[in-house]
Amino acid sequence: MTHLLVRHKIADFAKWKVVFDAHRSNRNQAGIQEKLVLRGVDDPNLVVLLFTVADLAKAKTFVSSPDLRETMTKSGVLGQPEVLFLS
């Protein structure tokens, strides 16, 4: 099974979470299923996400898509996220 791990800083968790949740159908269409949403204990604006991936090619296309970049900007993601595909 392939997993996707994403780590990034955000400006405001409440704002980010609303946009993140609204984007769920886009992730699901790419075969990406949310498993964990974690926040830093010492830094609540550090978010770590774990997903399962059904189709690696579709998932890679999704994470490099302009739609995701726009959504991340809209949600308040700061800087470049760390994105790892793991098996």
PDB file of N, CA and C in Angstrom:
ATOM      1  N   MET A   1       0.848  -1.179   0.000  1.00  0.00           N
ATOM      2  CA  MET A   1       0.000   0.000   0.000  1.00  0.00           C
ATOM      3  C   MET A   1       0.890   1.238   0.000  1.00  0.00           C
ATOM      4  N   THR A   2       0.494   2.225  -0.768  1.00  0.00           N
ATOM      5  CA  THR A   2       1.229   3.481  -0.846  1.00  0.00           C
ATOM      6  C   THR A   2       0.546   4.517   0.045  1.00  0.00           C
ATOM      7  N   HIS A   3       1.375   5.306   0.701  1.00  0.00           N
ATOM      8  CA  HIS A   3       0.889   6.395   1.540  1.00  0.00           C
ATOM      9  C   HIS A   3       1.470   7.709   1.046  1.00  0.00           C
ATOM     10  N   LEU A   4       0.773   8.767   1.372  1.00  0.00           N
ATOM     11  CA  LEU A   4       1.233  10.121   1.089  1.00  0.00           C
ATOM     12  C   LEU A   4       1.331  10.851   2.415  1.00  0.00           C
ATOM     13  N   LEU A   5       2.492  11.412   2.701  1.00  0.00           N
ATOM     14  CA  LEU A   5       2.713  12.196   3.904  1.00  0.00           C
ATOM     15  C   LEU A   5       3.000  13.629   3.485  1.00  0.00           C
ATOM     16  N   VAL A   6       2.269  14.562   4.072  1.00  0.00           N
ATOM     17  CA  VAL A   6       2.445  15.981   3.751  1.00  0.00           C
ATOM     18  C   VAL A   6       2.670  16.724   5.058  1.00  0.00           C
ATOM     19  N   ARG A   7       3.657  17.608   5.047  1.00  0.00           N
ATOM     20  CA  ARG A   7       3.990  18.415   6.234  1.00  0.00           C
ATOM     21  C   ARG A   7       4.131  19.857   5.778  1.00  0.00           C
ATOM     22  N   HIS A   8       3.404  20.753   6.455  1.00  0.00           N
ATOM     23  CA  HIS A   8       3.553  22.169   6.141  1.00  0.00           C
ATOM     24  C   HIS A   8       3.094  23.051   7.279  1.00  0.00           C
ATOM     25  N   LYS A   9       3.506  24.307   7.208  1.00  0.00           N
ATOM     26  CA  LYS A   9       3.094  25.325   8.168  1.00  0.00           C
ATOM     27  C   LYS A   9       1.881  26.044   7.588  1.00  0.00           C
ATOM     28  N   ILE A  10       1.009  26.495   8.491  1.00  0.00           N
ATOM     29  CA  ILE A  10      -0.182  27.235   8.090  1.00  0.00           C
ATOM     30  C   ILE A  10      -0.285  28.503   8.925  1.00  0.00           C
ATOM     31  N   ALA A  11      -1.027  29.454   8.412  1.00  0.00           N
ATOM     32  CA  ALA A  11      -1.207  30.720   9.130  1.00  0.00           C
ATOM     33  C   ALA A  11      -2.250  30.602  10.232  1.00  0.00           C
ATOM     34  N   ASP A  12      -3.337  29.879   9.960  1.00  0.00           N
ATOM     35  CA  ASP A  12      -4.449  29.788  10.915  1.00  0.00           C
ATOM     36  C   ASP A  12      -5.148  28.445  10.726  1.00  0.00           C
ATOM     37  N   PHE A  13      -5.137  27.593  11.752  1.00  0.00           N
ATOM     38  CA  PHE A  13      -5.675  26.242  11.611  1.00  0.00           C
ATOM     39  C   PHE A  13      -7.157  26.245  11.257  1.00  0.00           C
ATOM     40  N   ALA A  14      -7.951  27.063  11.919  1.00  0.00           N
ATOM     41  CA  ALA A  14      -9.405  27.067  11.674  1.00  0.00           C
ATOM     42  C   ALA A  14      -9.717  27.398  10.217  1.00  0.00           C
ATOM     43  N   LYS A  15      -9.062  28.401   9.669  1.00  0.00           N
ATOM     44  CA  LYS A  15      -9.268  28.767   8.262  1.00  0.00           C
ATOM     45  C   LYS A  15      -8.785  27.639   7.344  1.00  0.00           C
ATOM     46  N   TRP A  16      -7.599  27.125   7.632  1.00  0.00           N
ATOM     47  CA  TRP A  16      -7.030  26.051   6.820  1.00  0.00           C
ATOM     48  C   TRP A  16      -7.954  24.840   6.790  1.00  0.00           C
ATOM     49  N   LYS A  17      -8.495  24.450   7.948  1.00  0.00           N
ATOM     50  CA  LYS A  17      -9.300  23.233   8.051  1.00  0.00           C
ATOM     51  C   LYS A  17     -10.579  23.333   7.220  1.00  0.00           C
ATOM     52  N   VAL A  18     -11.202  24.492   7.188  1.00  0.00           N
ATOM     53  CA  VAL A  18     -12.416  24.678   6.377  1.00  0.00           C
ATOM     54  C   VAL A  18     -12.107  24.441   4.901  1.00  0.00           C
ATOM     55  N   VAL A  19     -11.027  25.021   4.405  1.00  0.00           N
ATOM     56  CA  VAL A  19     -10.650  24.863   2.997  1.00  0.00           C
ATOM     57  C   VAL A  19     -10.212  23.424   2.730  1.00  0.00           C
ATOM     58  N   PHE A  20      -9.449  22.840   3.639  1.00  0.00           N
ATOM     59  CA  PHE A  20      -9.004  21.452   3.504  1.00  0.00           C
ATOM     60  C   PHE A  20     -10.200  20.507   3.396  1.00  0.00           C
ATOM     61  N   ASP A  21     -11.163  20.658   4.283  1.00  0.00           N
ATOM     62  CA  ASP A  21     -12.348  19.793   4.263  1.00  0.00           C
ATOM     63  C   ASP A  21     -13.160  19.976   2.986  1.00  0.00           C
ATOM     64  N   ALA A  22     -13.263  21.200   2.500  1.00  0.00           N
ATOM     65  CA  ALA A  22     -14.031  21.474   1.282  1.00  0.00           C
ATOM     66  C   ALA A  22     -13.376  20.861   0.046  1.00  0.00           C
ATOM     67  N   HIS A  23     -12.098  20.555   0.117  1.00  0.00           N
ATOM     68  CA  HIS A  23     -11.345  20.015  -1.016  1.00  0.00           C
ATOM     69  C   HIS A  23     -11.313  18.481  -1.020  1.00  0.00           C
ATOM     70  N   ARG A  24     -11.996  17.857  -0.064  1.00  0.00           N
ATOM     71  CA  ARG A  24     -11.975  16.394   0.093  1.00  0.00           C
ATOM     72  C   ARG A  24     -12.386  15.664  -1.179  1.00  0.00           C
ATOM     73  N   SER A  25     -13.446  16.119  -1.855  1.00  0.00           N
ATOM     74  CA  SER A  25     -13.913  15.410  -3.054  1.00  0.00           C
ATOM     75  C   SER A  25     -12.837  15.401  -4.139  1.00  0.00           C
ATOM     76  N   ASN A  26     -12.046  16.458  -4.239  1.00  0.00           N
ATOM     77  CA  ASN A  26     -10.958  16.494  -5.216  1.00  0.00           C
ATOM     78  C   ASN A  26      -9.893  15.443  -4.879  1.00  0.00           C
ATOM     79  N   ARG A  27      -9.569  15.331  -3.593  1.00  0.00           N
ATOM     80  CA  ARG A  27      -8.602  14.306  -3.172  1.00  0.00           C
ATOM     81  C   ARG A  27      -9.153  12.911  -3.456  1.00  0.00           C
ATOM     82  N   ASN A  28     -10.414  12.702  -3.122  1.00  0.00           N
ATOM     83  CA  ASN A  28     -11.022  11.388  -3.339  1.00  0.00           C
ATOM     84  C   ASN A  28     -11.024  11.007  -4.815  1.00  0.00           C
ATOM     85  N   GLN A  29     -11.275  11.965  -5.691  1.00  0.00           N
ATOM     86  CA  GLN A  29     -11.254  11.688  -7.133  1.00  0.00           C
ATOM     87  C   GLN A  29      -9.866  11.271  -7.600  1.00  0.00           C
ATOM     88  N   ALA A  30      -8.847  11.730  -6.887  1.00  0.00           N
ATOM     89  CA  ALA A  30      -7.470  11.368  -7.231  1.00  0.00           C
ATOM     90  C   ALA A  30      -7.047  10.076  -6.529  1.00  0.00           C
ATOM     91  N   GLY A  31      -7.979   9.440  -5.819  1.00  0.00           N
ATOM     92  CA  GLY A  31      -7.661   8.192  -5.141  1.00  0.00           C
ATOM     93  C   GLY A  31      -6.874   8.383  -3.863  1.00  0.00           C
ATOM     94  N   ILE A  32      -7.013   9.561  -3.251  1.00  0.00           N
ATOM     95  CA  ILE A  32      -6.289   9.901  -2.025  1.00  0.00           C
ATOM     96  C   ILE A  32      -7.289   9.956  -0.876  1.00  0.00           C
ATOM     97  N   GLN A  33      -7.096   9.085   0.107  1.00  0.00           N
ATOM     98  CA  GLN A  33      -8.007   8.993   1.253  1.00  0.00           C
ATOM     99  C   GLN A  33      -7.301   9.472   2.523  1.00  0.00           C
ATOM    100  N   GLU A  34      -7.904  10.413   3.204  1.00  0.00           N
ATOM    101  CA  GLU A  34      -7.362  10.959   4.448  1.00  0.00           C
ATOM    102  C   GLU A  34      -7.386   9.905   5.558  1.00  0.00           C
ATOM    103  N   LYS A  35      -6.269   9.791   6.269  1.00  0.00           N
ATOM    104  CA  LYS A  35      -6.173   8.885   7.417  1.00  0.00           C
ATOM    105  C   LYS A  35      -5.926   9.647   8.711  1.00  0.00           C
ATOM    106  N   LEU A  36      -4.994  10.601   8.687  1.00  0.00           N
ATOM    107  CA  LEU A  36      -4.669  11.372   9.886  1.00  0.00           C
ATOM    108  C   LEU A  36      -4.421  12.832   9.548  1.00  0.00           C
ATOM    109  N   VAL A  37      -4.914  13.705  10.415  1.00  0.00           N
ATOM    110  CA  VAL A  37      -4.582  15.126  10.390  1.00  0.00           C
ATOM    111  C   VAL A  37      -4.012  15.431  11.760  1.00  0.00           C
ATOM    112  N   LEU A  38      -2.741  15.777  11.813  1.00  0.00           N
ATOM    113  CA  LEU A  38      -2.048  16.004  13.082  1.00  0.00           C
ATOM    114  C   LEU A  38      -1.503  17.423  13.137  1.00  0.00           C
ATOM    115  N   ARG A  39      -1.448  17.967  14.359  1.00  0.00           N
ATOM    116  CA  ARG A  39      -0.876  19.300  14.583  1.00  0.00           C
ATOM    117  C   ARG A  39       0.291  19.189  15.546  1.00  0.00           C
ATOM    118  N   GLY A  40       1.242  20.081  15.386  1.00  0.00           N
ATOM    119  CA  GLY A  40       2.381  20.089  16.291  1.00  0.00           C
ATOM    120  C   GLY A  40       1.960  20.414  17.715  1.00  0.00           C
ATOM    121  N   VAL A  41       2.535  19.716  18.678  1.00  0.00           N
ATOM    122  CA  VAL A  41       2.243  19.983  20.089  1.00  0.00           C
ATOM    123  C   VAL A  41       2.784  21.353  20.476  1.00  0.00           C
ATOM    124  N   ASP A  42       4.001  21.646  20.083  1.00  0.00           N
ATOM    125  CA  ASP A  42       4.623  22.928  20.416  1.00  0.00           C
ATOM    126  C   ASP A  42       4.315  24.017  19.403  1.00  0.00           C
ATOM    127  N   ASP A  43       3.847  23.631  18.228  1.00  0.00           N
ATOM    128  CA  ASP A  43       3.516  24.591  17.173  1.00  0.00           C
ATOM    129  C   ASP A  43       2.216  24.140  16.504  1.00  0.00           C
ATOM    130  N   PRO A  44       1.063  24.642  16.970  1.00  0.00           N
ATOM    131  CA  PRO A  44      -0.222  24.202  16.414  1.00  0.00           C
ATOM    132  C   PRO A  44      -0.446  24.609  14.961  1.00  0.00           C
ATOM    133  N   ASN A  45       0.452  25.428  14.409  1.00  0.00           N
ATOM    134  CA  ASN A  45       0.359  25.788  12.993  1.00  0.00           C
ATOM    135  C   ASN A  45       1.259  24.926  12.116  1.00  0.00           C
ATOM    136  N   LEU A  46       1.795  23.857  12.680  1.00  0.00           N
ATOM    137  CA  LEU A  46       2.492  22.824  11.917  1.00  0.00           C
ATOM    138  C   LEU A  46       1.495  21.690  11.734  1.00  0.00           C
ATOM    139  N   VAL A  47       1.231  21.332  10.484  1.00  0.00           N
ATOM    140  CA  VAL A  47       0.253  20.292  10.181  1.00  0.00           C
ATOM    141  C   VAL A  47       0.965  19.150   9.453  1.00  0.00           C
ATOM    142  N   VAL A  48       0.662  17.920   9.877  1.00  0.00           N
ATOM    143  CA  VAL A  48       1.161  16.723   9.221  1.00  0.00           C
ATOM    144  C   VAL A  48      -0.046  15.889   8.828  1.00  0.00           C
ATOM    145  N   LEU A  49      -0.105  15.503   7.560  1.00  0.00           N
ATOM    146  CA  LEU A  49      -1.246  14.772   7.009  1.00  0.00           C
ATOM    147  C   LEU A  49      -0.777  13.428   6.482  1.00  0.00           C
ATOM    148  N   LEU A  50      -1.575  12.401   6.737  1.00  0.00           N
ATOM    149  CA  LEU A  50      -1.278  11.073   6.211  1.00  0.00           C
ATOM    150  C   LEU A  50      -2.485  10.586   5.426  1.00  0.00           C
ATOM    151  N   PHE A  51      -2.223  10.124   4.215  1.00  0.00           N
ATOM    152  CA  PHE A  51      -3.268   9.624   3.316  1.00  0.00           C
ATOM    153  C   PHE A  51      -2.866   8.251   2.796  1.00  0.00           C
ATOM    154  N   THR A  52      -3.852   7.450   2.381  1.00  0.00           N
ATOM    155  CA  THR A  52      -3.575   6.266   1.578  1.00  0.00           C
ATOM    156  C   THR A  52      -3.784   6.656   0.123  1.00  0.00           C
ATOM    157  N   VAL A  53      -3.052   5.995  -0.760  1.00  0.00           N
ATOM    158  CA  VAL A  53      -3.076   6.322  -2.179  1.00  0.00           C
ATOM    159  C   VAL A  53      -3.469   5.072  -2.962  1.00  0.00           C
ATOM    160  N   ALA A  54      -4.545   5.177  -3.736  1.00  0.00           N
ATOM    161  CA  ALA A  54      -5.016   4.041  -4.544  1.00  0.00           C
ATOM    162  C   ALA A  54      -4.280   3.950  -5.876  1.00  0.00           C
ATOM    163  N   ASP A  55      -3.918   5.107  -6.455  1.00  0.00           N
ATOM    164  CA  ASP A  55      -3.287   5.148  -7.774  1.00  0.00           C
ATOM    165  C   ASP A  55      -2.153   6.169  -7.713  1.00  0.00           C
ATOM    166  N   LEU A  56      -0.924   5.687  -7.685  1.00  0.00           N
ATOM    167  CA  LEU A  56       0.230   6.567  -7.514  1.00  0.00           C
ATOM    168  C   LEU A  56       0.322   7.626  -8.605  1.00  0.00           C
ATOM    169  N   ALA A  57       0.096   7.252  -9.845  1.00  0.00           N
ATOM    170  CA  ALA A  57       0.189   8.217 -10.951  1.00  0.00           C
ATOM    171  C   ALA A  57      -0.835   9.343 -10.779  1.00  0.00           C
ATOM    172  N   LYS A  58      -2.075   8.990 -10.451  1.00  0.00           N
ATOM    173  CA  LYS A  58      -3.111  10.009 -10.238  1.00  0.00           C
ATOM    174  C   LYS A  58      -2.764  10.902  -9.052  1.00  0.00           C
ATOM    175  N   ALA A  59      -2.235  10.309  -7.995  1.00  0.00           N
ATOM    176  CA  ALA A  59      -1.884  11.082  -6.809  1.00  0.00           C
ATOM    177  C   ALA A  59      -0.751  12.059  -7.106  1.00  0.00           C
ATOM    178  N   LYS A  60       0.249  11.616  -7.866  1.00  0.00           N
ATOM    179  CA  LYS A  60       1.357  12.510  -8.219  1.00  0.00           C
ATOM    180  C   LYS A  60       0.869  13.659  -9.095  1.00  0.00           C
ATOM    181  N   THR A  61      -0.049  13.375 -10.001  1.00  0.00           N
ATOM    182  CA  THR A  61      -0.626  14.437 -10.827  1.00  0.00           C
ATOM    183  C   THR A  61      -1.381  15.430  -9.954  1.00  0.00           C
ATOM    184  N   PHE A  62      -2.133  14.918  -8.994  1.00  0.00           N
ATOM    185  CA  PHE A  62      -2.911  15.771  -8.091  1.00  0.00           C
ATOM    186  C   PHE A  62      -2.010  16.692  -7.268  1.00  0.00           C
ATOM    187  N   VAL A  63      -0.945  16.144  -6.667  1.00  0.00           N
ATOM    188  CA  VAL A  63      -0.113  16.978  -5.787  1.00  0.00           C
ATOM    189  C   VAL A  63       0.675  18.037  -6.547  1.00  0.00           C
ATOM    190  N   SER A  64       0.824  17.884  -7.852  1.00  0.00           N
ATOM    191  CA  SER A  64       1.529  18.902  -8.637  1.00  0.00           C
ATOM    192  C   SER A  64       0.569  19.788  -9.437  1.00  0.00           C
ATOM    193  N   SER A  65      -0.725  19.658  -9.180  1.00  0.00           N
ATOM    194  CA  SER A  65      -1.728  20.378  -9.971  1.00  0.00           C
ATOM    195  C   SER A  65      -1.860  21.850  -9.556  1.00  0.00           C
ATOM    196  N   PRO A  66      -2.186  22.712 -10.517  1.00  0.00           N
ATOM    197  CA  PRO A  66      -2.461  24.119 -10.201  1.00  0.00           C
ATOM    198  C   PRO A  66      -3.636  24.253  -9.220  1.00  0.00           C
ATOM    199  N   ASP A  67      -4.624  23.364  -9.327  1.00  0.00           N
ATOM    200  CA  ASP A  67      -5.771  23.413  -8.420  1.00  0.00           C
ATOM    201  C   ASP A  67      -5.325  23.258  -6.973  1.00  0.00           C
ATOM    202  N   LEU A  68      -4.453  22.311  -6.705  1.00  0.00           N
ATOM    203  CA  LEU A  68      -3.989  22.118  -5.332  1.00  0.00           C
ATOM    204  C   LEU A  68      -3.153  23.308  -4.872  1.00  0.00           C
ATOM    205  N   ARG A  69      -2.293  23.819  -5.734  1.00  0.00           N
ATOM    206  CA  ARG A  69      -1.485  24.997  -5.359  1.00  0.00           C
ATOM    207  C   ARG A  69      -2.382  26.177  -5.000  1.00  0.00           C
ATOM    208  N   GLU A  70      -3.425  26.420  -5.798  1.00  0.00           N
ATOM    209  CA  GLU A  70      -4.359  27.513  -5.513  1.00  0.00           C
ATOM    210  C   GLU A  70      -5.102  27.273  -4.202  1.00  0.00           C
ATOM    211  N   THR A  71      -5.516  26.050  -3.978  1.00  0.00           N
ATOM    212  CA  THR A  71      -6.238  25.715  -2.752  1.00  0.00           C
ATOM    213  C   THR A  71      -5.339  25.895  -1.533  1.00  0.00           C
ATOM    214  N   MET A  72      -4.092  25.495  -1.640  1.00  0.00           N
ATOM    215  CA  MET A  72      -3.165  25.649  -0.523  1.00  0.00           C
ATOM    216  C   MET A  72      -2.911  27.124  -0.225  1.00  0.00           C
ATOM    217  N   THR A  73      -2.782  27.923  -1.254  1.00  0.00           N
ATOM    218  CA  THR A  73      -2.605  29.362  -1.056  1.00  0.00           C
ATOM    219  C   THR A  73      -3.835  29.947  -0.381  1.00  0.00           C
ATOM    220  N   LYS A  74      -5.004  29.584  -0.872  1.00  0.00           N
ATOM    221  CA  LYS A  74      -6.271  30.071  -0.304  1.00  0.00           C
ATOM    222  C   LYS A  74      -6.411  29.679   1.165  1.00  0.00           C
ATOM    223  N   SER A  75      -5.931  28.497   1.531  1.00  0.00           N
ATOM    224  CA  SER A  75      -6.090  28.005   2.899  1.00  0.00           C
ATOM    225  C   SER A  75      -5.078  28.600   3.882  1.00  0.00           C
ATOM    226  N   GLY A  76      -4.049  29.242   3.364  1.00  0.00           N
ATOM    227  CA  GLY A  76      -3.057  29.863   4.245  1.00  0.00           C
ATOM    228  C   GLY A  76      -1.822  29.027   4.503  1.00  0.00           C
ATOM    229  N   VAL A  77      -1.510  28.091   3.598  1.00  0.00           N
ATOM    230  CA  VAL A  77      -0.272  27.326   3.726  1.00  0.00           C
ATOM    231  C   VAL A  77       0.901  28.274   3.512  1.00  0.00           C
ATOM    232  N   LEU A  78       1.885  28.173   4.392  1.00  0.00           N
ATOM    233  CA  LEU A  78       3.061  29.039   4.336  1.00  0.00           C
ATOM    234  C   LEU A  78       4.246  28.256   3.782  1.00  0.00           C
ATOM    235  N   GLY A  79       4.895  28.803   2.791  1.00  0.00           N
ATOM    236  CA  GLY A  79       6.083  28.153   2.240  1.00  0.00           C
ATOM    237  C   GLY A  79       5.748  26.923   1.425  1.00  0.00           C
ATOM    238  N   GLN A  80       6.792  26.164   1.138  1.00  0.00           N
ATOM    239  CA  GLN A  80       6.672  24.959   0.316  1.00  0.00           C
ATOM    240  C   GLN A  80       6.395  23.759   1.215  1.00  0.00           C
ATOM    241  N   PRO A  81       5.348  22.985   0.941  1.00  0.00           N
ATOM    242  CA  PRO A  81       5.078  21.796   1.761  1.00  0.00           C
ATOM    243  C   PRO A  81       6.089  20.689   1.466  1.00  0.00           C
ATOM    244  N   GLU A  82       6.305  19.844   2.461  1.00  0.00           N
ATOM    245  CA  GLU A  82       7.093  18.630   2.266  1.00  0.00           C
ATOM    246  C   GLU A  82       6.096  17.529   1.878  1.00  0.00           C
ATOM    247  N   VAL A  83       6.325  16.891   0.729  1.00  0.00           N
ATOM    248  CA  VAL A  83       5.419  15.868   0.213  1.00  0.00           C
ATOM    249  C   VAL A  83       6.240  14.597  -0.021  1.00  0.00           C
ATOM    250  N   LEU A  84       5.816  13.509   0.632  1.00  0.00           N
ATOM    251  CA  LEU A  84       6.526  12.237   0.510  1.00  0.00           C
ATOM    252  C   LEU A  84       5.555  11.121   0.159  1.00  0.00           C
ATOM    253  N   PHE A  85       5.891  10.327  -0.837  1.00  0.00           N
ATOM    254  CA  PHE A  85       5.159   9.104  -1.136  1.00  0.00           C
ATOM    255  C   PHE A  85       5.939   7.965  -0.502  1.00  0.00           C
ATOM    256  N   LEU A  86       5.237   7.124   0.257  1.00  0.00           N
ATOM    257  CA  LEU A  86       5.879   6.073   1.033  1.00  0.00           C
ATOM    258  C   LEU A  86       5.192   4.733   0.812  1.00  0.00           C
ATOM    259  N   SER A  87       5.968   3.666   0.909  1.00  0.00           N
ATOM    260  CA  SER A  87       5.356   2.323   0.833  1.00  0.00           C
ATOM    261  C   SER A  87       5.964   1.437   1.893  1.00  0.00           C
TER     262      SER A  87
END
